[in-house]
PDB file of all heavy atoms in Angstrom:
ATOM      1  N   LEU A   1     185.762 111.576 117.458  1.00  0.00           N
ATOM      2  CA  LEU A   1     186.414 111.234 116.203  1.00  0.00           C
ATOM      3  C   LEU A   1     186.274 109.761 115.852  1.00  0.00           C
ATOM      4  O   LEU A   1     186.234 109.397 114.674  1.00  0.00           O
ATOM      5  CB  LEU A   1     187.900 111.608 116.281  1.00  0.00           C
ATOM      6  CG  LEU A   1     188.217 113.112 116.362  1.00  0.00           C
ATOM      7  CD1 LEU A   1     189.716 113.327 116.527  1.00  0.00           C
ATOM      8  CD2 LEU A   1     187.709 113.840 115.111  1.00  0.00           C
ATOM      9  N   THR A   2     186.209 108.893 116.861  1.00  0.00           N
ATOM     10  CA  THR A   2     186.140 107.455 116.595  1.00  0.00           C
ATOM     11  C   THR A   2     184.709 106.936 116.514  1.00  0.00           C
ATOM     12  O   THR A   2     184.485 105.821 116.077  1.00  0.00           O
ATOM     13  CB  THR A   2     186.874 106.681 117.700  1.00  0.00           C
ATOM     14  OG1 THR A   2     186.291 106.999 118.968  1.00  0.00           O
ATOM     15  CG2 THR A   2     188.344 107.052 117.724  1.00  0.00           C
ATOM     16  N   ARG A   3     183.726 107.718 116.942  1.00  0.00           N
ATOM     17  CA  ARG A   3     182.339 107.261 116.917  1.00  0.00           C
ATOM     18  C   ARG A   3     181.849 107.158 115.473  1.00  0.00           C
ATOM     19  O   ARG A   3     182.015 108.087 114.676  1.00  0.00           O
ATOM     20  CB  ARG A   3     181.454 108.224 117.700  1.00  0.00           C
ATOM     21  CG  ARG A   3     180.011 107.765 117.791  1.00  0.00           C
ATOM     22  CD  ARG A   3     179.195 108.775 118.565  1.00  0.00           C
ATOM     23  NE  ARG A   3     177.813 108.341 118.692  1.00  0.00           N
ATOM     24  CZ  ARG A   3     176.857 109.073 119.247  1.00  0.00           C
ATOM     25  NH1 ARG A   3     177.141 110.283 119.716  1.00  0.00           N
ATOM     26  NH2 ARG A   3     175.632 108.623 119.334  1.00  0.00           N
ATOM     27  N   THR A   4     181.216 106.034 115.127  1.00  0.00           N
ATOM     28  CA  THR A   4     180.712 105.820 113.776  1.00  0.00           C
ATOM     29  C   THR A   4     179.501 106.708 113.504  1.00  0.00           C
ATOM     30  O   THR A   4     178.549 106.697 114.286  1.00  0.00           O
ATOM     31  CB  THR A   4     180.305 104.347 113.578  1.00  0.00           C
ATOM     32  OG1 THR A   4     181.421 103.517 113.860  1.00  0.00           O
ATOM     33  CG2 THR A   4     179.825 104.098 112.154  1.00  0.00           C
ATOM     34  N   PRO A   5     179.508 107.478 112.430  1.00  0.00           N
ATOM     35  CA  PRO A   5     178.348 108.327 112.134  1.00  0.00           C
ATOM     36  C   PRO A   5     177.122 107.486 111.787  1.00  0.00           C
ATOM     37  O   PRO A   5     177.235 106.408 111.198  1.00  0.00           O
ATOM     38  CB  PRO A   5     178.807 109.155 110.923  1.00  0.00           C
ATOM     39  CG  PRO A   5     179.873 108.320 110.289  1.00  0.00           C
ATOM     40  CD  PRO A   5     180.564 107.606 111.423  1.00  0.00           C
ATOM     41  N   VAL A   6     175.954 107.956 112.185  1.00  0.00           N
ATOM     42  CA  VAL A   6     174.697 107.265 111.915  1.00  0.00           C
ATOM     43  C   VAL A   6     173.831 108.164 111.030  1.00  0.00           C
ATOM     44  O   VAL A   6     173.648 109.343 111.331  1.00  0.00           O
ATOM     45  CB  VAL A   6     173.947 106.928 113.223  1.00  0.00           C
ATOM     46  CG1 VAL A   6     172.593 106.300 112.916  1.00  0.00           C
ATOM     47  CG2 VAL A   6     174.781 105.992 114.087  1.00  0.00           C
ATOM     48  N   TYR A   7     173.312 107.585 109.958  1.00  0.00           N
ATOM     49  CA  TYR A   7     172.493 108.331 109.014  1.00  0.00           C
ATOM     50  C   TYR A   7     171.025 107.955 109.193  1.00  0.00           C
ATOM     51  O   TYR A   7     170.705 106.834 109.558  1.00  0.00           O
ATOM     52  CB  TYR A   7     172.934 108.039 107.577  1.00  0.00           C
ATOM     53  CG  TYR A   7     174.369 108.425 107.294  1.00  0.00           C
ATOM     54  CD1 TYR A   7     175.412 107.527 107.523  1.00  0.00           C
ATOM     55  CD2 TYR A   7     174.684 109.689 106.809  1.00  0.00           C
ATOM     56  CE1 TYR A   7     176.726 107.881 107.280  1.00  0.00           C
ATOM     57  CE2 TYR A   7     175.997 110.050 106.549  1.00  0.00           C
ATOM     58  CZ  TYR A   7     177.017 109.148 106.786  1.00  0.00           C
ATOM     59  OH  TYR A   7     178.308 109.498 106.544  1.00  0.00           O
ATOM     60  N   GLU A   8     170.147 108.894 108.925  1.00  0.00           N
ATOM     61  CA  GLU A   8     168.711 108.666 109.030  1.00  0.00           C
ATOM     62  C   GLU A   8     168.050 108.923 107.682  1.00  0.00           C
ATOM     63  O   GLU A   8     168.404 109.866 106.977  1.00  0.00           O
ATOM     64  CB  GLU A   8     168.074 109.578 110.091  1.00  0.00           C
ATOM     65  CG  GLU A   8     168.471 109.255 111.508  1.00  0.00           C
ATOM     66  CD  GLU A   8     167.731 110.123 112.515  1.00  0.00           C
ATOM     67  OE1 GLU A   8     167.080 111.101 112.081  1.00  0.00           O
ATOM     68  OE2 GLU A   8     167.788 109.820 113.726  1.00  0.00           O
ATOM     69  N   ALA A   9     167.083 108.067 107.358  1.00  0.00           N
ATOM     70  CA  ALA A   9     166.303 108.233 106.132  1.00  0.00           C
ATOM     71  C   ALA A   9     164.825 108.117 106.488  1.00  0.00           C
ATOM     72  O   ALA A   9     164.461 107.319 107.359  1.00  0.00           O
ATOM     73  CB  ALA A   9     166.684 107.183 105.093  1.00  0.00           C
ATOM     74  N   GLU A  10     163.996 108.903 105.841  1.00  0.00           N
ATOM     75  CA  GLU A  10     162.570 108.918 106.142  1.00  0.00           C
ATOM     76  C   GLU A  10     161.750 108.491 104.930  1.00  0.00           C
ATOM     77  O   GLU A  10     162.133 108.723 103.782  1.00  0.00           O
ATOM     78  CB  GLU A  10     162.109 110.325 106.567  1.00  0.00           C
ATOM     79  CG  GLU A  10     162.586 110.759 107.928  1.00  0.00           C
ATOM     80  CD  GLU A  10     162.000 112.097 108.329  1.00  0.00           C
ATOM     81  OE1 GLU A  10     161.305 112.716 107.488  1.00  0.00           O
ATOM     82  OE2 GLU A  10     162.239 112.539 109.465  1.00  0.00           O
ATOM     83  N   ALA A  11     160.624 107.865 105.227  1.00  0.00           N
ATOM     84  CA  ALA A  11     159.635 107.525 104.207  1.00  0.00           C
ATOM     85  C   ALA A  11     158.264 107.871 104.774  1.00  0.00           C
ATOM     86  O   ALA A  11     157.981 107.576 105.941  1.00  0.00           O
ATOM     87  CB  ALA A  11     159.711 106.049 103.833  1.00  0.00           C
ATOM     88  N   LEU A  12     157.435 108.511 103.977  1.00  0.00           N
ATOM     89  CA  LEU A  12     156.096 108.898 104.416  1.00  0.00           C
ATOM     90  C   LEU A  12     155.062 107.960 103.800  1.00  0.00           C
ATOM     91  O   LEU A  12     155.159 107.597 102.623  1.00  0.00           O
ATOM     92  CB  LEU A  12     155.787 110.340 104.003  1.00  0.00           C
ATOM     93  CG  LEU A  12     156.766 111.412 104.496  1.00  0.00           C
ATOM     94  CD1 LEU A  12     156.301 112.796 104.056  1.00  0.00           C
ATOM     95  CD2 LEU A  12     156.920 111.370 106.000  1.00  0.00           C
ATOM     96  N   VAL A  13     154.079 107.580 104.608  1.00  0.00           N
ATOM     97  CA  VAL A  13     153.030 106.672 104.155  1.00  0.00           C
ATOM     98  C   VAL A  13     151.673 107.250 104.544  1.00  0.00           C
ATOM     99  O   VAL A  13     151.476 107.655 105.696  1.00  0.00           O
ATOM    100  CB  VAL A  13     153.184 105.265 104.770  1.00  0.00           C
ATOM    101  CG1 VAL A  13     152.027 104.373 104.346  1.00  0.00           C
ATOM    102  CG2 VAL A  13     154.498 104.643 104.349  1.00  0.00           C
ATOM    103  N   GLN A  14     150.768 107.263 103.589  1.00  0.00           N
ATOM    104  CA  GLN A  14     149.401 107.695 103.870  1.00  0.00           C
ATOM    105  C   GLN A  14     148.588 106.493 104.339  1.00  0.00           C
ATOM    106  O   GLN A  14     148.387 105.533 103.598  1.00  0.00           O
ATOM    107  CB  GLN A  14     148.760 108.280 102.612  1.00  0.00           C
ATOM    108  CG  GLN A  14     147.274 108.594 102.735  1.00  0.00           C
ATOM    109  CD  GLN A  14     147.004 109.794 103.624  1.00  0.00           C
ATOM    110  OE1 GLN A  14     147.502 110.869 103.376  1.00  0.00           O
ATOM    111  NE2 GLN A  14     146.205 109.599 104.656  1.00  0.00           N
ATOM    112  N   ALA A  15     148.168 106.516 105.594  1.00  0.00           N
ATOM    113  CA  ALA A  15     147.330 105.435 106.118  1.00  0.00           C
ATOM    114  C   ALA A  15     145.893 105.669 105.679  1.00  0.00           C
ATOM    115  O   ALA A  15     145.382 106.788 105.778  1.00  0.00           O
ATOM    116  CB  ALA A  15     147.418 105.389 107.643  1.00  0.00           C
ATOM    117  N   ARG A  16     145.266 104.630 105.185  1.00  0.00           N
ATOM    118  CA  ARG A  16     143.890 104.760 104.697  1.00  0.00           C
ATOM    119  C   ARG A  16     142.991 103.733 105.388  1.00  0.00           C
ATOM    120  O   ARG A  16     143.432 102.620 105.685  1.00  0.00           O
ATOM    121  CB  ARG A  16     143.834 104.566 103.184  1.00  0.00           C
ATOM    122  CG  ARG A  16     144.649 105.599 102.412  1.00  0.00           C
ATOM    123  CD  ARG A  16     144.462 105.431 100.917  1.00  0.00           C
ATOM    124  NE  ARG A  16     145.267 106.375 100.169  1.00  0.00           N
ATOM    125  CZ  ARG A  16     144.923 107.635  99.933  1.00  0.00           C
ATOM    126  NH1 ARG A  16     143.768 108.091 100.399  1.00  0.00           N
ATOM    127  NH2 ARG A  16     145.709 108.438  99.234  1.00  0.00           N
ATOM    128  N   PRO A  17     141.727 104.102 105.610  1.00  0.00           N
ATOM    129  CA  PRO A  17     140.784 103.148 106.215  1.00  0.00           C
ATOM    130  C   PRO A  17     140.569 101.952 105.295  1.00  0.00           C
ATOM    131  O   PRO A  17     140.663 102.060 104.070  1.00  0.00           O
ATOM    132  CB  PRO A  17     139.504 103.964 106.382  1.00  0.00           C
ATOM    133  CG  PRO A  17     139.923 105.393 106.268  1.00  0.00           C
ATOM    134  CD  PRO A  17     141.112 105.414 105.369  1.00  0.00           C
ATOM    135  N   THR A  18     140.287 100.808 105.888  1.00  0.00           N
ATOM    136  CA  THR A  18     139.982  99.607 105.116  1.00  0.00           C
ATOM    137  C   THR A  18     138.521  99.652 104.675  1.00  0.00           C
ATOM    138  O   THR A  18     137.615  99.710 105.502  1.00  0.00           O
ATOM    139  CB  THR A  18     140.225  98.342 105.948  1.00  0.00           C
ATOM    140  OG1 THR A  18     141.597  98.319 106.355  1.00  0.00           O
ATOM    141  CG2 THR A  18     139.914  97.096 105.141  1.00  0.00           C
ATOM    142  N   VAL A  19     138.304  99.657 103.357  1.00  0.00           N
ATOM    143  CA  VAL A  19     136.953  99.690 102.800  1.00  0.00           C
ATOM    144  C   VAL A  19     136.607  98.282 102.326  1.00  0.00           C
ATOM    145  O   VAL A  19     137.226  97.758 101.402  1.00  0.00           O
ATOM    146  CB  VAL A  19     136.854 100.688 101.622  1.00  0.00           C
ATOM    147  CG1 VAL A  19     135.451 100.679 101.048  1.00  0.00           C
ATOM    148  CG2 VAL A  19     137.232 102.083 102.084  1.00  0.00           C
ATOM    149  N   LEU A  20     135.625  97.673 102.973  1.00  0.00           N
ATOM    150  CA  LEU A  20     135.267  96.298 102.645  1.00  0.00           C
ATOM    151  C   LEU A  20     134.048  96.208 101.745  1.00  0.00           C
ATOM    152  O   LEU A  20     133.867  95.208 101.048  1.00  0.00           O
ATOM    153  CB  LEU A  20     135.012  95.500 103.936  1.00  0.00           C
ATOM    154  CG  LEU A  20     136.214  95.375 104.881  1.00  0.00           C
ATOM    155  CD1 LEU A  20     135.827  94.590 106.116  1.00  0.00           C
ATOM    156  CD2 LEU A  20     137.389  94.717 104.177  1.00  0.00           C
ATOM    157  N   THR A  21     133.194  97.220 101.757  1.00  0.00           N
ATOM    158  CA  THR A  21     131.994  97.193 100.924  1.00  0.00           C
ATOM    159  C   THR A  21     131.793  98.546 100.276  1.00  0.00           C
ATOM    160  O   THR A  21     132.218  99.578 100.798  1.00  0.00           O
ATOM    161  CB  THR A  21     130.738  96.851 101.757  1.00  0.00           C
ATOM    162  OG1 THR A  21     130.478  97.919 102.677  1.00  0.00           O
ATOM    163  CG2 THR A  21     130.923  95.550 102.514  1.00  0.00           C
ATOM    164  N   THR A  22     131.127  98.557  99.120  1.00  0.00           N
ATOM    165  CA  THR A  22     130.839  99.809  98.427  1.00  0.00           C
ATOM    166  C   THR A  22     129.744 100.595  99.132  1.00  0.00           C
ATOM    167  O   THR A  22     129.596 101.797  98.900  1.00  0.00           O
ATOM    168  CB  THR A  22     130.401  99.538  96.983  1.00  0.00           C
ATOM    169  OG1 THR A  22     129.257  98.661  96.994  1.00  0.00           O
ATOM    170  CG2 THR A  22     131.515  98.863  96.196  1.00  0.00           C
ATOM    171  N   THR A  23     129.010  99.935  99.999  1.00  0.00           N
ATOM    172  CA  THR A  23     127.964 100.635 100.739  1.00  0.00           C
ATOM    173  C   THR A  23     128.538 101.380 101.943  1.00  0.00           C
ATOM    174  O   THR A  23     127.843 102.137 102.601  1.00  0.00           O
ATOM    175  CB  THR A  23     126.889  99.640 101.229  1.00  0.00           C
ATOM    176  OG1 THR A  23     127.517  98.623 102.022  1.00  0.00           O
ATOM    177  CG2 THR A  23     126.183  99.003 100.039  1.00  0.00           C
ATOM    178  N   ASP A  24     129.829 101.142 102.234  1.00  0.00           N
ATOM    179  CA  ASP A  24     130.492 101.835 103.338  1.00  0.00           C
ATOM    180  C   ASP A  24     131.800 102.420 102.820  1.00  0.00           C
ATOM    181  O   ASP A  24     132.892 101.961 103.148  1.00  0.00           O
ATOM    182  CB  ASP A  24     130.775 100.863 104.490  1.00  0.00           C
ATOM    183  CG  ASP A  24     131.416 101.562 105.682  1.00  0.00           C
ATOM    184  OD1 ASP A  24     131.227 102.791 105.807  1.00  0.00           O
ATOM    185  OD2 ASP A  24     132.104 100.891 106.461  1.00  0.00           O
ATOM    186  N   PRO A  25     131.698 103.459 101.942  1.00  0.00           N
ATOM    187  CA  PRO A  25     132.900 104.001 101.295  1.00  0.00           C
ATOM    188  C   PRO A  25     133.887 104.617 102.265  1.00  0.00           C
ATOM    189  O   PRO A  25     135.075 104.722 101.968  1.00  0.00           O
ATOM    190  CB  PRO A  25     132.336 105.066 100.344  1.00  0.00           C
ATOM    191  CG  PRO A  25     131.015 105.456 100.952  1.00  0.00           C
ATOM    192  CD  PRO A  25     130.480 104.188 101.577  1.00  0.00           C
ATOM    193  N   ALA A  26     133.434 105.044 103.444  1.00  0.00           N
ATOM    194  CA  ALA A  26     134.346 105.650 104.417  1.00  0.00           C
ATOM    195  C   ALA A  26     135.240 104.614 105.079  1.00  0.00           C
ATOM    196  O   ALA A  26     136.346 104.914 105.519  1.00  0.00           O
ATOM    197  CB  ALA A  26     133.553 106.406 105.480  1.00  0.00           C
ATOM    198  N   GLY A  27     134.768 103.367 105.130  1.00  0.00           N
ATOM    199  CA  GLY A  27     135.552 102.312 105.755  1.00  0.00           C
ATOM    200  C   GLY A  27     135.610 102.439 107.262  1.00  0.00           C
ATOM    201  O   GLY A  27     134.943 103.280 107.857  1.00  0.00           O
ATOM    202  N   THR A  28     136.423 101.600 107.868  1.00  0.00           N
ATOM    203  CA  THR A  28     136.564 101.629 109.326  1.00  0.00           C
ATOM    204  C   THR A  28     137.431 102.822 109.737  1.00  0.00           C
ATOM    205  O   THR A  28     138.388 103.186 109.046  1.00  0.00           O
ATOM    206  CB  THR A  28     137.224 100.334 109.824  1.00  0.00           C
ATOM    207  OG1 THR A  28     138.474 100.155 109.145  1.00  0.00           O
ATOM    208  CG2 THR A  28     136.343  99.134 109.534  1.00  0.00           C
ATOM    209  N   GLU A  29     137.102 103.426 110.861  1.00  0.00           N
ATOM    210  CA  GLU A  29     137.841 104.596 111.326  1.00  0.00           C
ATOM    211  C   GLU A  29     139.255 104.209 111.728  1.00  0.00           C
ATOM    212  O   GLU A  29     139.484 103.196 112.371  1.00  0.00           O
ATOM    213  CB  GLU A  29     137.115 105.225 112.512  1.00  0.00           C
ATOM    214  CG  GLU A  29     137.756 106.514 113.006  1.00  0.00           C
ATOM    215  CD  GLU A  29     136.966 107.144 114.141  1.00  0.00           C
ATOM    216  OE1 GLU A  29     135.874 106.619 114.455  1.00  0.00           O
ATOM    217  OE2 GLU A  29     137.441 108.141 114.696  1.00  0.00           O
ATOM    218  N   LEU A  30     140.213 105.042 111.336  1.00  0.00           N
ATOM    219  CA  LEU A  30     141.611 104.754 111.630  1.00  0.00           C
ATOM    220  C   LEU A  30     141.970 105.131 113.066  1.00  0.00           C
ATOM    221  O   LEU A  30     141.547 106.172 113.566  1.00  0.00           O
ATOM    222  CB  LEU A  30     142.521 105.529 110.678  1.00  0.00           C
ATOM    223  CG  LEU A  30     142.741 104.955 109.286  1.00  0.00           C
ATOM    224  CD1 LEU A  30     143.628 105.898 108.483  1.00  0.00           C
ATOM    225  CD2 LEU A  30     143.367 103.578 109.346  1.00  0.00           C
ATOM    226  N   ASN A  31     142.757 104.275 113.689  1.00  0.00           N
ATOM    227  CA  ASN A  31     143.378 104.583 114.966  1.00  0.00           C
ATOM    228  C   ASN A  31     144.878 104.655 114.688  1.00  0.00           C
ATOM    229  O   ASN A  31     145.527 103.630 114.462  1.00  0.00           O
ATOM    230  CB  ASN A  31     143.062 103.501 116.003  1.00  0.00           C
ATOM    231  CG  ASN A  31     143.640 103.813 117.367  1.00  0.00           C
ATOM    232  OD1 ASN A  31     144.740 104.350 117.494  1.00  0.00           O
ATOM    233  ND2 ASN A  31     142.898 103.496 118.405  1.00  0.00           N
ATOM    234  N   MET A  32     145.441 105.854 114.697  1.00  0.00           N
ATOM    235  CA  MET A  32     146.827 106.015 114.278  1.00  0.00           C
ATOM    236  C   MET A  32     147.810 105.339 115.228  1.00  0.00           C
ATOM    237  O   MET A  32     148.887 104.921 114.812  1.00  0.00           O
ATOM    238  CB  MET A  32     147.152 107.500 114.129  1.00  0.00           C
ATOM    239  CG  MET A  32     146.362 108.186 113.006  1.00  0.00           C
ATOM    240  SD  MET A  32     146.504 107.312 111.418  1.00  0.00           S
ATOM    241  CE  MET A  32     148.242 107.539 111.035  1.00  0.00           C
ATOM    242  N   GLU A  33     147.453 105.217 116.504  1.00  0.00           N
ATOM    243  CA  GLU A  33     148.326 104.482 117.422  1.00  0.00           C
ATOM    244  C   GLU A  33     148.417 103.016 117.007  1.00  0.00           C
ATOM    245  O   GLU A  33     149.485 102.402 117.070  1.00  0.00           O
ATOM    246  CB  GLU A  33     147.802 104.597 118.855  1.00  0.00           C
ATOM    247  CG  GLU A  33     147.925 105.988 119.459  1.00  0.00           C
ATOM    248  CD  GLU A  33     147.489 106.017 120.913  1.00  0.00           C
ATOM    249  OE1 GLU A  33     147.164 104.932 121.445  1.00  0.00           O
ATOM    250  OE2 GLU A  33     147.471 107.106 121.511  1.00  0.00           O
ATOM    251  N   THR A  34     147.275 102.478 116.559  1.00  0.00           N
ATOM    252  CA  THR A  34     147.271 101.099 116.077  1.00  0.00           C
ATOM    253  C   THR A  34     148.105 100.968 114.811  1.00  0.00           C
ATOM    254  O   THR A  34     148.831  99.984 114.627  1.00  0.00           O
ATOM    255  CB  THR A  34     145.831 100.632 115.800  1.00  0.00           C
ATOM    256  OG1 THR A  34     145.070 100.712 117.014  1.00  0.00           O
ATOM    257  CG2 THR A  34     145.804  99.203 115.290  1.00  0.00           C
ATOM    258  N   GLU A  35     148.025 101.975 113.933  1.00  0.00           N
ATOM    259  CA  GLU A  35     148.795 101.937 112.692  1.00  0.00           C
ATOM    260  C   GLU A  35     150.298 101.969 112.972  1.00  0.00           C
ATOM    261  O   GLU A  35     151.079 101.310 112.282  1.00  0.00           O
ATOM    262  CB  GLU A  35     148.397 103.104 111.787  1.00  0.00           C
ATOM    263  CG  GLU A  35     146.941 103.099 111.351  1.00  0.00           C
ATOM    264  CD  GLU A  35     146.528 101.781 110.713  1.00  0.00           C
ATOM    265  OE1 GLU A  35     147.231 101.310 109.793  1.00  0.00           O
ATOM    266  OE2 GLU A  35     145.504 101.216 111.131  1.00  0.00           O
ATOM    267  N   VAL A  36     150.705 102.718 113.989  1.00  0.00           N
ATOM    268  CA  VAL A  36     152.118 102.741 114.377  1.00  0.00           C
ATOM    269  C   VAL A  36     152.553 101.355 114.847  1.00  0.00           C
ATOM    270  O   VAL A  36     153.636 100.871 114.502  1.00  0.00           O
ATOM    271  CB  VAL A  36     152.362 103.791 115.483  1.00  0.00           C
ATOM    272  CG1 VAL A  36     153.771 103.648 116.058  1.00  0.00           C
ATOM    273  CG2 VAL A  36     152.161 105.200 114.934  1.00  0.00           C
ATOM    274  N   GLN A  37     151.700 100.700 115.631  1.00  0.00           N
ATOM    275  CA  GLN A  37     152.016  99.354 116.117  1.00  0.00           C
ATOM    276  C   GLN A  37     152.111  98.365 114.961  1.00  0.00           C
ATOM    277  O   GLN A  37     152.971  97.474 114.964  1.00  0.00           O
ATOM    278  CB  GLN A  37     150.954  98.909 117.117  1.00  0.00           C
ATOM    279  CG  GLN A  37     150.957  99.707 118.411  1.00  0.00           C
ATOM    280  CD  GLN A  37     149.831  99.312 119.345  1.00  0.00           C
ATOM    281  OE1 GLN A  37     149.045  98.419 119.041  1.00  0.00           O
ATOM    282  NE2 GLN A  37     149.734  99.970 120.493  1.00  0.00           N
ATOM    283  N   ILE A  38     151.236  98.536 113.968  1.00  0.00           N
ATOM    284  CA  ILE A  38     151.289  97.655 112.794  1.00  0.00           C
ATOM    285  C   ILE A  38     152.598  97.863 112.038  1.00  0.00           C
ATOM    286  O   ILE A  38     153.263  96.896 111.637  1.00  0.00           O
ATOM    287  CB  ILE A  38     150.084  97.923 111.868  1.00  0.00           C
ATOM    288  CG1 ILE A  38     148.783  97.497 112.549  1.00  0.00           C
ATOM    289  CG2 ILE A  38     150.257  97.191 110.536  1.00  0.00           C
ATOM    290  CD1 ILE A  38     147.539  97.855 111.765  1.00  0.00           C
ATOM    291  N   ALA A  39     152.981  99.124 111.842  1.00  0.00           N
ATOM    292  CA  ALA A  39     154.198  99.439 111.079  1.00  0.00           C
ATOM    293  C   ALA A  39     155.452  98.900 111.762  1.00  0.00           C
ATOM    294  O   ALA A  39     156.460  98.627 111.089  1.00  0.00           O
ATOM    295  CB  ALA A  39     154.306 100.947 110.880  1.00  0.00           C
TER     296      ALA A  39
END
């Protein structure tokens, strides 16, 4: 009864490869573990 309730909220993000040139439209391959560390 005395414990403070904790609320959770979620946000979704689409991770996309970094495209540096038009000759490489696919960009660098994503490493999702790295993206988690960045976030």
